[in-house]
Amino acid sequence: MRAVAIAIDLIERYPESQPILYRTVRRVLIPRFPYALLYYCDDEVAVVFGCLHSARDPGVWQKRSDVALD
């Protein structure tokens, strides 16, 4: 859980520091694990909408992001 807390802290402190993957969706890698948190920034709030294994098909999170961004 500490690794997830580090990733969330990074999003809170520097929400726009991570690369854009798709539309406005950004990804922060979870240290020491092959997982990533997917999020987007909405005004002054960062919204995490997924935690996926980094080897998963990108179509999975792109479908989630389309729902999240609508």
Protein backbone atom coordinates (compact mmCIF):
# COMPACT_ATOMS: atom_id res chain seq x y z
CA MET A 1 0.00 0.00 0.00
CA ARG A 2 2.95 2.34 0.56
CA ALA A 3 3.81 2.25 -3.15
CA VAL A 4 0.26 3.28 -4.07
CA ALA A 5 0.41 6.11 -1.52
CA ILE A 6 3.63 7.35 -3.15
CA ALA A 7 1.96 7.37 -6.58
CA ILE A 8 -1.09 9.21 -5.25
CA ASP A 9 1.13 11.73 -3.49
CA LEU A 10 2.90 12.39 -6.79
CA ILE A 11 -0.46 13.02 -8.47
CA GLU A 12 -1.52 15.38 -5.66
CA ARG A 13 1.71 17.39 -5.72
CA TYR A 14 2.40 17.47 -9.46
CA PRO A 15 -0.76 16.45 -11.33
CA GLU A 16 0.44 17.64 -14.73
CA SER A 17 3.95 16.16 -14.49
CA GLN A 18 3.02 12.78 -15.93
CA PRO A 19 2.74 12.20 -19.69
CA ILE A 20 -0.58 12.35 -21.50
CA LEU A 21 -1.47 8.94 -22.91
CA TYR A 22 -4.86 9.48 -24.48
CA ARG A 23 -6.88 12.68 -24.73
CA THR A 24 -6.37 14.14 -21.23
CA VAL A 25 -5.60 10.84 -19.51
CA ARG A 26 -2.31 10.62 -17.66
CA ARG A 27 -0.50 7.66 -16.13
CA VAL A 28 1.65 7.39 -13.03
CA LEU A 29 3.57 4.18 -12.48
CA ILE A 30 3.39 2.55 -9.06
CA PRO A 31 6.94 2.09 -7.75
CA ARG A 32 8.20 -1.52 -7.58
CA PHE A 33 5.03 -2.96 -9.14
CA PRO A 34 3.94 -3.42 -12.76
CA TYR A 35 0.81 -1.33 -12.23
CA ALA A 36 -0.19 2.19 -13.14
CA LEU A 37 -2.83 4.62 -11.92
CA LEU A 38 -4.77 6.33 -14.69
CA TYR A 39 -6.14 9.78 -14.01
CA TYR A 40 -7.22 13.06 -15.53
CA CYS A 41 -7.28 16.60 -14.17
CA ASP A 42 -10.67 18.27 -13.87
CA ASP A 43 -10.31 21.94 -12.89
CA GLU A 44 -8.32 21.70 -9.66
CA VAL A 45 -9.06 18.04 -8.94
CA ALA A 46 -7.21 14.97 -10.16
CA VAL A 47 -9.58 12.05 -10.72
CA VAL A 48 -8.10 8.53 -10.58
CA PHE A 49 -10.34 6.20 -12.56
CA GLY A 50 -8.27 3.07 -12.98
CA CYS A 51 -5.47 0.90 -11.73
CA LEU A 52 -4.27 -1.48 -14.40
CA HIS A 53 -1.43 -3.89 -14.97
CA SER A 54 1.05 -2.23 -17.32
CA ALA A 55 1.03 -5.21 -19.70
CA ARG A 56 -2.75 -5.05 -20.28
CA ASP A 57 -4.26 -4.17 -23.59
CA PRO A 58 -4.49 -0.35 -23.84
CA GLY A 59 -7.98 -0.68 -25.28
CA VAL A 60 -9.23 -1.60 -21.81
CA TRP A 61 -8.27 1.69 -20.20
CA GLN A 62 -9.17 3.71 -23.28
CA LYS A 63 -12.75 2.46 -22.96
CA ARG A 64 -12.75 3.41 -19.27
CA SER A 65 -11.37 6.85 -20.04
CA ASP A 66 -14.06 7.48 -22.64
CA VAL A 67 -16.68 6.83 -19.94
CA ALA A 68 -14.80 8.87 -17.35
CA LEU A 69 -14.34 11.87 -19.64
CA ASP A 70 -17.94 12.07 -20.86
